[in-house]
């Protein structure tokens, strides 16, 4: 599996294109906006997008979803159903945060813990990791040892929990019980900022690492 980050929106959200090297079938993870840039990146690699994957329902991660789905005719999978209220509020959220108009949508498939999603010959495992939002999910490729974690975990930080539906206790539990269990060698792509590894965050993250209270 290959991955390519396409930073989008004023929030510098890490929209990520992942694809199967053998078939060139791809998935777009969290198309928050700037669809022309996402489509140009896909075209440069000669990829065929077969699905859209969502880590959670915040506007900077999903605002371009309905438009991209309409253009490509592909299914939307994720997040967990607990984020349905965020998808329903998308038009208002887009206006409130200064995004272009965004249509609400219903995913073709809500995801839950233990599910899998596939594109080409690649398969990702789904982990439900509430805290930043109640329906946040993480996509993990066990063969490549790579996880796409949305806004659950960052290099040296964690997702904010002061937005509606956020829960700090749940977030810490999700990171320590689910993400840390993947193994220190796992590299993760966060929703914003640089990549990091589970091992580095376990050792030094001031919010959820070994030294955190």
N, C-alpha and C. Protein backbone atom coordinates (compact mmCIF):
# COMPACT_ATOMS: atom_id res chain seq x y z
N UNK A 1 0.83 -1.19 0.00
CA UNK A 1 0.00 0.00 0.00
C UNK A 1 0.87 1.25 0.00
N UNK A 2 0.48 2.22 -0.80
CA UNK A 2 1.15 3.50 -0.84
C UNK A 2 0.20 4.56 -0.28
N UNK A 3 0.77 5.66 0.20
CA UNK A 3 -0.03 6.74 0.76
C UNK A 3 0.55 8.08 0.34
N UNK A 4 -0.33 9.04 0.13
CA UNK A 4 0.07 10.38 -0.28
C UNK A 4 -0.83 11.39 0.44
N UNK A 5 -0.22 12.31 1.15
CA UNK A 5 -0.97 13.33 1.88
C UNK A 5 -1.21 14.52 0.98
N UNK A 6 -2.47 14.99 0.97
CA UNK A 6 -2.85 16.19 0.23
C UNK A 6 -3.42 17.18 1.25
N UNK A 7 -2.63 18.14 1.74
CA UNK A 7 -3.16 19.09 2.73
C UNK A 7 -4.28 19.92 2.11
N UNK A 8 -5.40 20.02 2.83
CA UNK A 8 -6.56 20.74 2.31
C UNK A 8 -7.13 21.69 3.36
N UNK A 9 -7.79 22.70 2.91
CA UNK A 9 -8.52 23.71 3.66
C UNK A 9 -7.57 24.58 4.49
N UNK A 10 -8.13 25.65 5.03
CA UNK A 10 -7.36 26.55 5.88
C UNK A 10 -6.92 25.87 7.17
N UNK A 11 -7.49 24.71 7.47
CA UNK A 11 -7.12 23.95 8.66
C UNK A 11 -5.92 23.03 8.42
N UNK A 12 -5.37 23.04 7.18
CA UNK A 12 -4.24 22.17 6.82
C UNK A 12 -4.51 20.73 7.23
N UNK A 13 -5.65 20.24 6.83
CA UNK A 13 -6.07 18.88 7.16
C UNK A 13 -5.39 17.89 6.21
N UNK A 14 -4.88 16.82 6.78
CA UNK A 14 -4.15 15.83 5.99
C UNK A 14 -5.09 14.86 5.28
N UNK A 15 -5.77 15.32 4.25
CA UNK A 15 -6.48 14.38 3.39
C UNK A 15 -5.44 13.40 2.85
N UNK A 16 -5.73 12.11 2.88
CA UNK A 16 -4.75 11.11 2.47
C UNK A 16 -5.32 10.21 1.40
N UNK A 17 -4.56 10.05 0.32
CA UNK A 17 -4.91 9.12 -0.74
C UNK A 17 -4.07 7.86 -0.53
N UNK A 18 -4.74 6.73 -0.39
CA UNK A 18 -4.03 5.46 -0.21
C UNK A 18 -4.42 4.55 -1.36
N UNK A 19 -3.46 3.73 -1.82
CA UNK A 19 -3.77 2.90 -2.98
C UNK A 19 -3.00 1.59 -3.00
N UNK A 20 -3.56 0.66 -3.75
CA UNK A 20 -2.95 -0.65 -3.98
C UNK A 20 -1.99 -0.52 -5.16
N UNK A 21 -0.74 -0.83 -4.95
CA UNK A 21 0.26 -0.68 -6.01
C UNK A 21 -0.02 -1.58 -7.21
N UNK A 22 -0.61 -2.74 -6.95
CA UNK A 22 -0.82 -3.70 -8.03
C UNK A 22 -1.99 -3.29 -8.93
N UNK A 23 -3.10 -2.87 -8.32
CA UNK A 23 -4.29 -2.57 -9.11
C UNK A 23 -4.49 -1.07 -9.38
N UNK A 24 -3.79 -0.23 -8.60
CA UNK A 24 -3.95 1.23 -8.65
C UNK A 24 -5.35 1.68 -8.21
N UNK A 25 -6.08 0.79 -7.54
CA UNK A 25 -7.34 1.20 -6.92
C UNK A 25 -7.02 1.94 -5.63
N UNK A 26 -7.78 3.03 -5.39
CA UNK A 26 -7.44 3.92 -4.29
C UNK A 26 -8.64 4.27 -3.44
N UNK A 27 -8.35 4.77 -2.25
CA UNK A 27 -9.36 5.35 -1.36
C UNK A 27 -8.90 6.73 -0.96
N UNK A 28 -9.85 7.65 -0.88
CA UNK A 28 -9.57 9.00 -0.38
C UNK A 28 -10.07 9.08 1.05
N UNK A 29 -9.16 9.41 1.96
CA UNK A 29 -9.51 9.47 3.38
C UNK A 29 -9.67 10.94 3.78
N UNK A 30 -10.85 11.28 4.27
CA UNK A 30 -11.16 12.61 4.80
C UNK A 30 -11.00 13.74 3.77
N UNK A 31 -11.84 13.77 2.74
CA UNK A 31 -11.80 14.87 1.77
C UNK A 31 -12.50 16.12 2.33
N UNK A 32 -11.77 16.89 3.09
CA UNK A 32 -12.36 18.03 3.76
C UNK A 32 -12.64 19.22 2.87
N UNK A 33 -12.07 19.23 1.67
CA UNK A 33 -12.28 20.35 0.75
C UNK A 33 -11.17 20.37 -0.28
N UNK A 34 -11.09 21.49 -1.04
CA UNK A 34 -10.06 21.63 -2.08
C UNK A 34 -10.03 20.40 -2.98
N UNK A 35 -11.19 20.03 -3.50
CA UNK A 35 -11.30 18.80 -4.28
C UNK A 35 -10.45 18.82 -5.53
N UNK A 36 -10.23 19.99 -6.13
CA UNK A 36 -9.40 20.06 -7.33
C UNK A 36 -7.98 19.58 -7.03
N UNK A 37 -7.49 19.91 -5.86
CA UNK A 37 -6.14 19.46 -5.49
C UNK A 37 -6.10 17.95 -5.26
N UNK A 38 -7.14 17.42 -4.64
CA UNK A 38 -7.21 15.97 -4.42
C UNK A 38 -7.28 15.24 -5.75
N UNK A 39 -8.15 15.72 -6.64
CA UNK A 39 -8.31 15.07 -7.94
C UNK A 39 -7.04 15.16 -8.78
N UNK A 40 -6.32 16.28 -8.69
CA UNK A 40 -5.07 16.42 -9.43
C UNK A 40 -4.02 15.43 -8.92
N UNK A 41 -3.96 15.25 -7.61
CA UNK A 41 -3.00 14.30 -7.03
C UNK A 41 -3.32 12.88 -7.48
N UNK A 42 -4.62 12.53 -7.49
CA UNK A 42 -5.04 11.21 -7.95
C UNK A 42 -4.67 11.00 -9.42
N UNK A 43 -4.90 12.02 -10.24
CA UNK A 43 -4.60 11.91 -11.68
C UNK A 43 -3.11 11.76 -11.94
N UNK A 44 -2.29 12.47 -11.17
CA UNK A 44 -0.83 12.38 -11.36
C UNK A 44 -0.33 10.96 -11.16
N UNK A 45 -0.96 10.23 -10.28
CA UNK A 45 -0.54 8.85 -9.98
C UNK A 45 -1.28 7.83 -10.85
N UNK A 46 -2.25 8.28 -11.64
CA UNK A 46 -3.00 7.36 -12.49
C UNK A 46 -3.87 6.41 -11.71
N UNK A 47 -4.48 6.90 -10.63
CA UNK A 47 -5.25 6.04 -9.73
C UNK A 47 -6.73 6.05 -10.07
N UNK A 48 -7.41 4.99 -9.65
CA UNK A 48 -8.85 4.90 -9.76
C UNK A 48 -9.43 4.85 -8.35
N UNK A 49 -10.10 5.93 -7.95
CA UNK A 49 -10.69 5.99 -6.61
C UNK A 49 -11.94 5.10 -6.57
N UNK A 50 -11.98 4.18 -5.61
CA UNK A 50 -13.12 3.26 -5.51
C UNK A 50 -13.95 3.45 -4.25
N UNK A 51 -13.44 4.26 -3.30
CA UNK A 51 -14.24 4.55 -2.11
C UNK A 51 -13.68 5.76 -1.38
N UNK A 52 -14.53 6.37 -0.57
CA UNK A 52 -14.16 7.47 0.31
C UNK A 52 -14.28 6.96 1.74
N UNK A 53 -13.24 7.19 2.54
CA UNK A 53 -13.23 6.75 3.94
C UNK A 53 -13.18 7.97 4.85
N UNK A 54 -13.94 7.93 5.93
CA UNK A 54 -14.00 9.06 6.86
C UNK A 54 -13.61 8.61 8.27
N UNK A 55 -12.69 9.35 8.89
CA UNK A 55 -12.28 9.02 10.25
C UNK A 55 -13.25 9.56 11.30
N UNK A 56 -13.86 10.74 11.00
CA UNK A 56 -14.83 11.31 11.93
C UNK A 56 -15.60 12.42 11.24
N UNK A 57 -16.54 13.03 11.95
CA UNK A 57 -17.50 13.90 11.31
C UNK A 57 -17.25 15.39 11.40
N UNK A 58 -16.06 15.84 11.78
CA UNK A 58 -15.82 17.28 11.85
C UNK A 58 -15.66 17.88 10.46
N UNK A 59 -16.09 19.13 10.34
CA UNK A 59 -16.24 19.77 9.04
C UNK A 59 -14.97 19.76 8.20
N UNK A 60 -13.82 19.96 8.82
CA UNK A 60 -12.57 20.03 8.05
C UNK A 60 -12.16 18.68 7.49
N UNK A 61 -12.82 17.62 7.90
CA UNK A 61 -12.53 16.28 7.39
C UNK A 61 -13.57 15.77 6.40
N UNK A 62 -14.76 16.38 6.39
CA UNK A 62 -15.83 15.79 5.58
C UNK A 62 -16.51 16.75 4.61
N UNK A 63 -16.15 18.04 4.63
CA UNK A 63 -16.93 19.04 3.88
C UNK A 63 -16.99 18.76 2.38
N UNK A 64 -15.98 18.10 1.82
CA UNK A 64 -15.99 17.82 0.39
C UNK A 64 -16.57 16.47 0.02
N UNK A 65 -17.06 15.73 0.99
CA UNK A 65 -17.46 14.34 0.76
C UNK A 65 -18.61 14.21 -0.23
N UNK A 66 -19.70 14.94 -0.02
CA UNK A 66 -20.86 14.79 -0.89
C UNK A 66 -20.52 15.14 -2.33
N UNK A 67 -19.76 16.22 -2.52
CA UNK A 67 -19.38 16.63 -3.88
C UNK A 67 -18.47 15.61 -4.54
N UNK A 68 -17.52 15.07 -3.78
CA UNK A 68 -16.61 14.08 -4.37
C UNK A 68 -17.34 12.79 -4.70
N UNK A 69 -18.24 12.38 -3.81
CA UNK A 69 -19.04 11.18 -4.07
C UNK A 69 -19.88 11.36 -5.33
N UNK A 70 -20.50 12.53 -5.48
CA UNK A 70 -21.34 12.78 -6.65
C UNK A 70 -20.52 12.75 -7.94
N UNK A 71 -19.30 13.25 -7.87
CA UNK A 71 -18.46 13.32 -9.06
C UNK A 71 -17.91 11.95 -9.45
N UNK A 72 -17.52 11.17 -8.45
CA UNK A 72 -16.86 9.89 -8.73
C UNK A 72 -17.81 8.70 -8.71
N UNK A 73 -18.95 8.84 -8.05
CA UNK A 73 -19.89 7.73 -7.98
C UNK A 73 -19.39 6.56 -7.16
N UNK A 74 -18.69 6.87 -6.05
CA UNK A 74 -18.12 5.82 -5.20
C UNK A 74 -18.78 5.85 -3.83
N UNK A 75 -18.74 4.74 -3.10
CA UNK A 75 -19.36 4.71 -1.77
C UNK A 75 -18.54 5.44 -0.73
N UNK A 76 -19.25 5.90 0.31
CA UNK A 76 -18.62 6.52 1.47
C UNK A 76 -18.73 5.55 2.63
N UNK A 77 -17.60 5.28 3.29
CA UNK A 77 -17.59 4.38 4.43
C UNK A 77 -17.00 5.10 5.63
N UNK A 78 -17.71 5.04 6.77
CA UNK A 78 -17.28 5.73 7.97
C UNK A 78 -17.94 7.08 8.07
N UNK A 79 -17.84 7.66 9.24
CA UNK A 79 -17.23 7.13 10.46
C UNK A 79 -18.17 6.17 11.18
N UNK A 80 -18.03 6.07 12.49
CA UNK A 80 -18.97 5.32 13.31
C UNK A 80 -20.27 6.10 13.41
N UNK A 81 -21.37 5.39 13.57
CA UNK A 81 -22.70 6.01 13.61
C UNK A 81 -22.83 7.06 14.72
N UNK A 82 -22.00 6.99 15.74
CA UNK A 82 -22.09 7.96 16.84
C UNK A 82 -21.80 9.38 16.38
N UNK A 83 -21.22 9.56 15.20
CA UNK A 83 -20.96 10.89 14.66
C UNK A 83 -22.07 11.37 13.71
N UNK A 84 -23.19 10.68 13.68
CA UNK A 84 -24.27 11.06 12.75
C UNK A 84 -24.72 12.51 12.97
N UNK A 85 -24.74 12.96 14.21
CA UNK A 85 -25.19 14.33 14.50
C UNK A 85 -24.28 15.37 13.86
N UNK A 86 -22.98 15.04 13.72
CA UNK A 86 -22.05 15.96 13.08
C UNK A 86 -22.28 16.04 11.57
N UNK A 87 -22.61 14.91 10.96
CA UNK A 87 -22.90 14.91 9.53
C UNK A 87 -24.18 15.69 9.24
N UNK A 88 -25.16 15.52 10.11
CA UNK A 88 -26.43 16.24 9.93
C UNK A 88 -26.24 17.75 10.05
N UNK A 89 -25.28 18.16 10.87
CA UNK A 89 -25.04 19.58 11.09
C UNK A 89 -24.05 20.19 10.11
N UNK A 90 -23.60 19.41 9.13
CA UNK A 90 -22.52 19.87 8.25
C UNK A 90 -22.80 21.21 7.56
N UNK A 91 -23.97 21.43 6.96
CA UNK A 91 -24.19 22.73 6.30
C UNK A 91 -23.99 23.92 7.24
N UNK A 92 -24.50 23.80 8.47
CA UNK A 92 -24.34 24.87 9.44
C UNK A 92 -22.88 25.00 9.89
N UNK A 93 -22.21 23.88 10.08
CA UNK A 93 -20.80 23.91 10.48
C UNK A 93 -19.94 24.57 9.41
N UNK A 94 -20.22 24.25 8.15
CA UNK A 94 -19.46 24.84 7.06
C UNK A 94 -19.62 26.36 7.05
N UNK A 95 -20.84 26.82 7.21
CA UNK A 95 -21.07 28.27 7.27
C UNK A 95 -20.35 28.89 8.46
N UNK A 96 -20.45 28.24 9.60
CA UNK A 96 -19.87 28.78 10.82
C UNK A 96 -18.36 28.89 10.79
N UNK A 97 -17.71 27.98 10.08
CA UNK A 97 -16.25 27.97 10.02
C UNK A 97 -15.71 28.59 8.73
N UNK A 98 -16.57 29.20 7.93
CA UNK A 98 -16.11 29.87 6.73
C UNK A 98 -15.76 28.96 5.57
N UNK A 99 -16.32 27.76 5.56
CA UNK A 99 -16.10 26.84 4.46
C UNK A 99 -17.07 27.16 3.32
N UNK A 100 -16.76 26.73 2.10
CA UNK A 100 -17.76 26.82 1.03
C UNK A 100 -18.99 26.00 1.41
N UNK A 101 -20.13 26.27 0.79
CA UNK A 101 -21.33 25.49 1.10
C UNK A 101 -21.07 23.98 0.98
N UNK A 102 -21.56 23.23 1.95
CA UNK A 102 -21.34 21.78 1.98
C UNK A 102 -22.66 21.08 2.25
N UNK A 103 -22.93 20.04 1.47
CA UNK A 103 -24.16 19.27 1.63
C UNK A 103 -23.97 18.16 2.64
N UNK A 104 -25.02 17.93 3.42
CA UNK A 104 -24.99 16.78 4.30
C UNK A 104 -25.15 15.50 3.49
N UNK A 105 -24.87 14.37 4.10
CA UNK A 105 -24.92 13.09 3.40
C UNK A 105 -25.03 11.99 4.45
N UNK A 106 -25.43 10.83 4.00
CA UNK A 106 -25.42 9.64 4.85
C UNK A 106 -24.43 8.65 4.26
N UNK A 107 -23.48 8.17 5.04
CA UNK A 107 -22.53 7.20 4.50
C UNK A 107 -23.23 5.96 3.95
N UNK A 108 -22.64 5.36 2.95
CA UNK A 108 -23.16 4.09 2.46
C UNK A 108 -22.97 2.99 3.48
N UNK A 109 -22.01 3.19 4.37
CA UNK A 109 -21.73 2.19 5.39
C UNK A 109 -21.15 2.89 6.62
N UNK A 110 -21.86 2.81 7.73
CA UNK A 110 -21.28 3.21 9.00
C UNK A 110 -20.30 2.13 9.43
N UNK A 111 -19.24 2.50 10.08
CA UNK A 111 -18.22 1.53 10.50
C UNK A 111 -18.26 1.33 12.01
N UNK A 112 -17.85 0.13 12.42
CA UNK A 112 -17.78 -0.17 13.84
C UNK A 112 -16.47 -0.92 14.11
N UNK A 113 -16.15 -1.04 15.38
CA UNK A 113 -14.92 -1.71 15.78
C UNK A 113 -14.88 -3.14 15.23
N UNK A 114 -13.77 -3.50 14.61
CA UNK A 114 -13.61 -4.85 14.07
C UNK A 114 -13.96 -4.98 12.60
N UNK A 115 -14.55 -3.94 12.01
CA UNK A 115 -14.84 -3.98 10.57
C UNK A 115 -13.55 -3.92 9.76
N UNK A 116 -13.66 -4.20 8.47
CA UNK A 116 -12.55 -4.01 7.55
C UNK A 116 -13.06 -3.24 6.33
N UNK A 117 -12.15 -2.54 5.67
CA UNK A 117 -12.46 -1.86 4.41
C UNK A 117 -11.35 -2.23 3.43
N UNK A 118 -11.73 -2.35 2.15
CA UNK A 118 -10.77 -2.83 1.16
C UNK A 118 -10.78 -1.96 -0.09
N UNK A 119 -9.65 -1.93 -0.75
CA UNK A 119 -9.50 -1.31 -2.06
C UNK A 119 -8.37 -2.06 -2.76
N UNK A 120 -8.62 -2.44 -4.02
CA UNK A 120 -7.64 -3.30 -4.69
C UNK A 120 -7.43 -4.56 -3.87
N UNK A 121 -6.16 -4.89 -3.62
CA UNK A 121 -5.84 -6.06 -2.82
C UNK A 121 -5.40 -5.70 -1.40
N UNK A 122 -5.74 -4.49 -1.00
CA UNK A 122 -5.37 -4.02 0.34
C UNK A 122 -6.59 -4.01 1.25
N UNK A 123 -6.37 -4.33 2.52
CA UNK A 123 -7.45 -4.34 3.51
C UNK A 123 -6.99 -3.61 4.77
N UNK A 124 -7.84 -2.73 5.26
CA UNK A 124 -7.58 -2.00 6.49
C UNK A 124 -8.52 -2.49 7.59
N UNK A 125 -8.00 -2.57 8.79
CA UNK A 125 -8.80 -2.88 9.96
C UNK A 125 -9.34 -1.59 10.56
N UNK A 126 -10.54 -1.65 11.12
CA UNK A 126 -11.20 -0.47 11.69
C UNK A 126 -11.20 -0.58 13.21
N UNK A 127 -10.76 0.49 13.87
CA UNK A 127 -10.81 0.58 15.32
C UNK A 127 -11.69 1.78 15.70
N UNK A 128 -12.69 1.56 16.51
CA UNK A 128 -13.52 2.66 17.01
C UNK A 128 -12.77 3.29 18.18
N UNK A 129 -12.44 4.57 18.03
CA UNK A 129 -11.62 5.26 19.03
C UNK A 129 -12.27 6.58 19.46
N UNK A 130 -13.32 6.52 20.24
CA UNK A 130 -14.03 7.74 20.66
C UNK A 130 -13.17 8.61 21.57
N UNK A 131 -13.58 9.87 21.65
CA UNK A 131 -12.90 10.82 22.53
C UNK A 131 -12.84 12.20 21.89
N UNK A 132 -12.15 12.31 20.75
CA UNK A 132 -12.16 13.57 20.01
C UNK A 132 -13.57 13.83 19.49
N UNK A 133 -14.18 12.81 18.98
CA UNK A 133 -15.61 12.78 18.69
C UNK A 133 -16.09 11.38 19.06
N UNK A 134 -17.38 11.21 19.32
CA UNK A 134 -17.85 9.89 19.76
C UNK A 134 -17.76 8.82 18.68
N UNK A 135 -17.71 9.24 17.40
CA UNK A 135 -17.68 8.26 16.32
C UNK A 135 -16.36 8.16 15.59
N UNK A 136 -15.28 8.65 16.19
CA UNK A 136 -13.98 8.58 15.52
C UNK A 136 -13.54 7.14 15.30
N UNK A 137 -13.00 6.89 14.11
CA UNK A 137 -12.42 5.58 13.82
C UNK A 137 -11.00 5.75 13.30
N UNK A 138 -10.24 4.70 13.45
CA UNK A 138 -8.85 4.62 12.96
C UNK A 138 -8.77 3.49 11.95
N UNK A 139 -8.02 3.71 10.88
CA UNK A 139 -7.79 2.68 9.86
C UNK A 139 -6.36 2.17 10.00
N UNK A 140 -6.21 0.84 10.14
CA UNK A 140 -4.90 0.24 10.38
C UNK A 140 -4.59 -0.81 9.34
N UNK A 141 -3.39 -0.71 8.74
CA UNK A 141 -2.91 -1.71 7.79
C UNK A 141 -1.86 -2.57 8.50
N UNK A 142 -2.23 -3.78 8.92
CA UNK A 142 -1.30 -4.59 9.71
C UNK A 142 -0.04 -4.99 8.96
N UNK A 143 -0.13 -5.18 7.64
CA UNK A 143 1.04 -5.57 6.87
C UNK A 143 2.05 -4.46 6.74
N UNK A 144 1.58 -3.25 6.46
CA UNK A 144 2.47 -2.10 6.30
C UNK A 144 2.82 -1.45 7.63
N UNK A 145 2.10 -1.81 8.69
CA UNK A 145 2.31 -1.22 10.01
C UNK A 145 2.10 0.28 9.99
N UNK A 146 1.00 0.67 9.37
CA UNK A 146 0.63 2.08 9.22
C UNK A 146 -0.81 2.26 9.68
N UNK A 147 -1.08 3.36 10.39
CA UNK A 147 -2.43 3.68 10.83
C UNK A 147 -2.77 5.10 10.41
N UNK A 148 -4.01 5.29 9.99
CA UNK A 148 -4.55 6.62 9.74
C UNK A 148 -5.49 6.94 10.89
N UNK A 149 -5.11 7.91 11.71
CA UNK A 149 -5.74 8.05 13.02
C UNK A 149 -6.67 9.26 13.13
N UNK A 150 -6.88 10.00 12.04
CA UNK A 150 -7.72 11.18 12.15
C UNK A 150 -7.17 12.14 13.20
N UNK A 151 -8.04 12.65 14.05
CA UNK A 151 -7.61 13.60 15.08
C UNK A 151 -7.55 12.97 16.46
N UNK A 152 -7.38 11.66 16.52
CA UNK A 152 -7.26 10.99 17.82
C UNK A 152 -5.91 11.28 18.45
N UNK A 153 -4.84 11.21 17.65
CA UNK A 153 -3.48 11.33 18.17
C UNK A 153 -2.63 12.14 17.20
N UNK A 154 -1.77 13.00 17.74
CA UNK A 154 -0.84 13.78 16.94
C UNK A 154 0.58 13.61 17.47
N UNK A 155 1.53 14.10 16.72
CA UNK A 155 2.90 14.15 17.22
C UNK A 155 2.93 15.10 18.41
N UNK A 156 3.18 14.56 19.58
CA UNK A 156 3.29 15.37 20.77
C UNK A 156 1.99 15.93 21.32
N UNK A 157 0.86 15.47 20.83
CA UNK A 157 -0.41 16.00 21.30
C UNK A 157 -1.52 14.99 21.04
N UNK A 158 -2.75 15.39 21.33
CA UNK A 158 -3.94 14.58 21.08
C UNK A 158 -5.04 15.49 20.56
N UNK A 159 -6.11 14.89 20.06
CA UNK A 159 -7.23 15.66 19.57
C UNK A 159 -7.94 16.39 20.70
N UNK A 160 -8.45 17.57 20.38
CA UNK A 160 -9.17 18.35 21.38
C UNK A 160 -10.46 17.64 21.77
N UNK A 161 -10.88 17.85 22.99
CA UNK A 161 -12.08 17.18 23.48
C UNK A 161 -13.12 18.18 24.00
N UNK A 162 -12.94 19.47 23.67
CA UNK A 162 -13.86 20.49 24.17
C UNK A 162 -14.99 20.79 23.20
N UNK A 163 -15.01 20.12 22.04
CA UNK A 163 -16.11 20.29 21.10
C UNK A 163 -17.27 19.38 21.51
N UNK A 164 -18.51 19.68 21.06
CA UNK A 164 -19.65 18.85 21.44
C UNK A 164 -19.42 17.37 21.13
N UNK A 165 -19.62 16.53 22.13
CA UNK A 165 -19.41 15.09 21.97
C UNK A 165 -18.02 14.63 22.36
N UNK A 166 -17.11 15.57 22.60
CA UNK A 166 -15.76 15.19 23.01
C UNK A 166 -15.73 14.69 24.44
N UNK A 167 -14.74 13.83 24.73
CA UNK A 167 -14.64 13.26 26.07
C UNK A 167 -13.18 12.90 26.33
N UNK A 168 -12.53 13.62 27.22
CA UNK A 168 -11.10 13.44 27.45
C UNK A 168 -10.78 12.04 27.98
N UNK A 169 -11.59 11.54 28.89
CA UNK A 169 -11.35 10.21 29.45
C UNK A 169 -11.42 9.15 28.36
N UNK A 170 -12.42 9.26 27.48
CA UNK A 170 -12.55 8.30 26.38
C UNK A 170 -11.36 8.38 25.43
N UNK A 171 -10.88 9.61 25.18
CA UNK A 171 -9.76 9.77 24.26
C UNK A 171 -8.51 9.09 24.80
N UNK A 172 -8.20 9.31 26.05
CA UNK A 172 -7.03 8.68 26.65
C UNK A 172 -7.16 7.16 26.60
N UNK A 173 -8.34 6.65 26.89
CA UNK A 173 -8.55 5.21 26.84
C UNK A 173 -8.38 4.67 25.43
N UNK A 174 -8.88 5.40 24.44
CA UNK A 174 -8.75 4.95 23.05
C UNK A 174 -7.29 4.85 22.65
N UNK A 175 -6.51 5.86 23.01
CA UNK A 175 -5.09 5.85 22.63
C UNK A 175 -4.35 4.75 23.37
N UNK A 176 -4.52 4.68 24.66
CA UNK A 176 -3.71 3.74 25.45
C UNK A 176 -4.14 2.29 25.24
N UNK A 177 -5.44 2.06 25.10
CA UNK A 177 -5.92 0.68 25.01
C UNK A 177 -5.96 0.14 23.59
N UNK A 178 -6.10 1.02 22.60
CA UNK A 178 -6.24 0.55 21.22
C UNK A 178 -5.05 0.93 20.35
N UNK A 179 -4.67 2.20 20.34
CA UNK A 179 -3.56 2.58 19.47
C UNK A 179 -2.22 2.07 19.98
N UNK A 180 -1.96 2.23 21.26
CA UNK A 180 -0.70 1.74 21.79
C UNK A 180 -0.57 0.23 21.65
N UNK A 181 -1.68 -0.48 21.64
CA UNK A 181 -1.67 -1.93 21.50
C UNK A 181 -1.25 -2.37 20.11
N UNK A 182 -1.26 -1.47 19.14
CA UNK A 182 -0.85 -1.84 17.78
C UNK A 182 0.64 -2.13 17.69
N UNK A 183 1.43 -1.53 18.57
CA UNK A 183 2.87 -1.79 18.57
C UNK A 183 3.67 -0.52 18.33
N UNK A 184 4.84 -0.44 19.00
CA UNK A 184 5.66 0.76 18.92
C UNK A 184 6.17 1.05 17.51
N UNK A 185 6.26 0.03 16.67
CA UNK A 185 6.82 0.22 15.33
C UNK A 185 5.83 0.86 14.35
N UNK A 186 4.58 0.95 14.73
CA UNK A 186 3.55 1.47 13.82
C UNK A 186 3.72 2.97 13.62
N UNK A 187 3.77 3.37 12.36
CA UNK A 187 3.80 4.78 11.98
C UNK A 187 2.37 5.23 11.75
N UNK A 188 2.03 6.43 12.20
CA UNK A 188 0.67 6.89 11.97
C UNK A 188 0.63 8.22 11.23
N UNK A 189 -0.42 8.35 10.42
CA UNK A 189 -0.71 9.59 9.70
C UNK A 189 -1.85 10.28 10.44
N UNK A 190 -1.58 11.43 11.04
CA UNK A 190 -2.64 12.13 11.78
C UNK A 190 -3.46 13.03 10.86
N UNK A 191 -4.53 13.58 11.41
CA UNK A 191 -5.38 14.47 10.63
C UNK A 191 -4.76 15.82 10.36
N UNK A 192 -3.74 16.18 11.14
CA UNK A 192 -3.04 17.45 10.96
C UNK A 192 -1.60 17.25 11.41
N UNK A 193 -0.67 17.95 10.78
CA UNK A 193 0.71 17.92 11.23
C UNK A 193 1.50 16.72 10.73
N UNK A 194 2.72 16.56 11.26
CA UNK A 194 3.63 15.53 10.77
C UNK A 194 3.31 14.12 11.25
N UNK A 195 3.86 13.16 10.55
CA UNK A 195 3.74 11.76 10.96
C UNK A 195 4.52 11.54 12.25
N UNK A 196 4.16 10.47 12.94
CA UNK A 196 4.90 10.05 14.12
C UNK A 196 4.76 8.54 14.23
N UNK A 197 5.27 7.98 15.31
CA UNK A 197 5.14 6.54 15.56
C UNK A 197 4.50 6.32 16.92
N UNK A 198 3.88 5.17 17.06
CA UNK A 198 3.26 4.81 18.33
C UNK A 198 4.33 4.78 19.43
N UNK A 199 5.49 4.25 19.11
CA UNK A 199 6.56 4.17 20.12
C UNK A 199 7.00 5.53 20.62
N UNK A 200 7.16 6.49 19.70
CA UNK A 200 7.57 7.83 20.10
C UNK A 200 6.52 8.48 20.99
N UNK A 201 5.24 8.30 20.65
CA UNK A 201 4.19 8.92 21.45
C UNK A 201 4.03 8.23 22.80
N UNK A 202 4.24 6.94 22.81
CA UNK A 202 4.17 6.23 24.10
C UNK A 202 5.24 6.77 25.05
N UNK A 203 6.41 7.04 24.50
CA UNK A 203 7.53 7.48 25.34
C UNK A 203 7.41 8.93 25.78
N UNK A 204 6.93 9.80 24.87
CA UNK A 204 7.11 11.23 25.14
C UNK A 204 5.85 12.08 25.06
N UNK A 205 4.72 11.54 24.62
CA UNK A 205 3.53 12.37 24.49
C UNK A 205 3.09 12.84 25.88
N UNK A 206 2.99 14.16 26.09
CA UNK A 206 2.69 14.66 27.44
C UNK A 206 1.26 14.40 27.91
N UNK A 207 0.38 13.98 27.00
CA UNK A 207 -1.02 13.77 27.35
C UNK A 207 -1.36 12.30 27.56
N UNK A 208 -0.72 11.41 26.82
CA UNK A 208 -1.09 10.00 26.90
C UNK A 208 0.11 9.07 27.03
N UNK A 209 1.32 9.63 27.00
CA UNK A 209 2.52 8.81 27.06
C UNK A 209 2.76 8.22 28.44
N UNK A 210 3.85 7.44 28.54
CA UNK A 210 4.14 6.75 29.80
C UNK A 210 4.33 7.71 30.96
N UNK A 211 4.77 8.94 30.68
CA UNK A 211 5.01 9.89 31.76
C UNK A 211 3.83 10.77 32.10
N UNK A 212 2.73 10.60 31.35
CA UNK A 212 1.56 11.44 31.61
C UNK A 212 0.82 10.95 32.85
N UNK A 213 0.18 11.88 33.50
CA UNK A 213 -0.57 11.52 34.72
C UNK A 213 -1.83 10.77 34.34
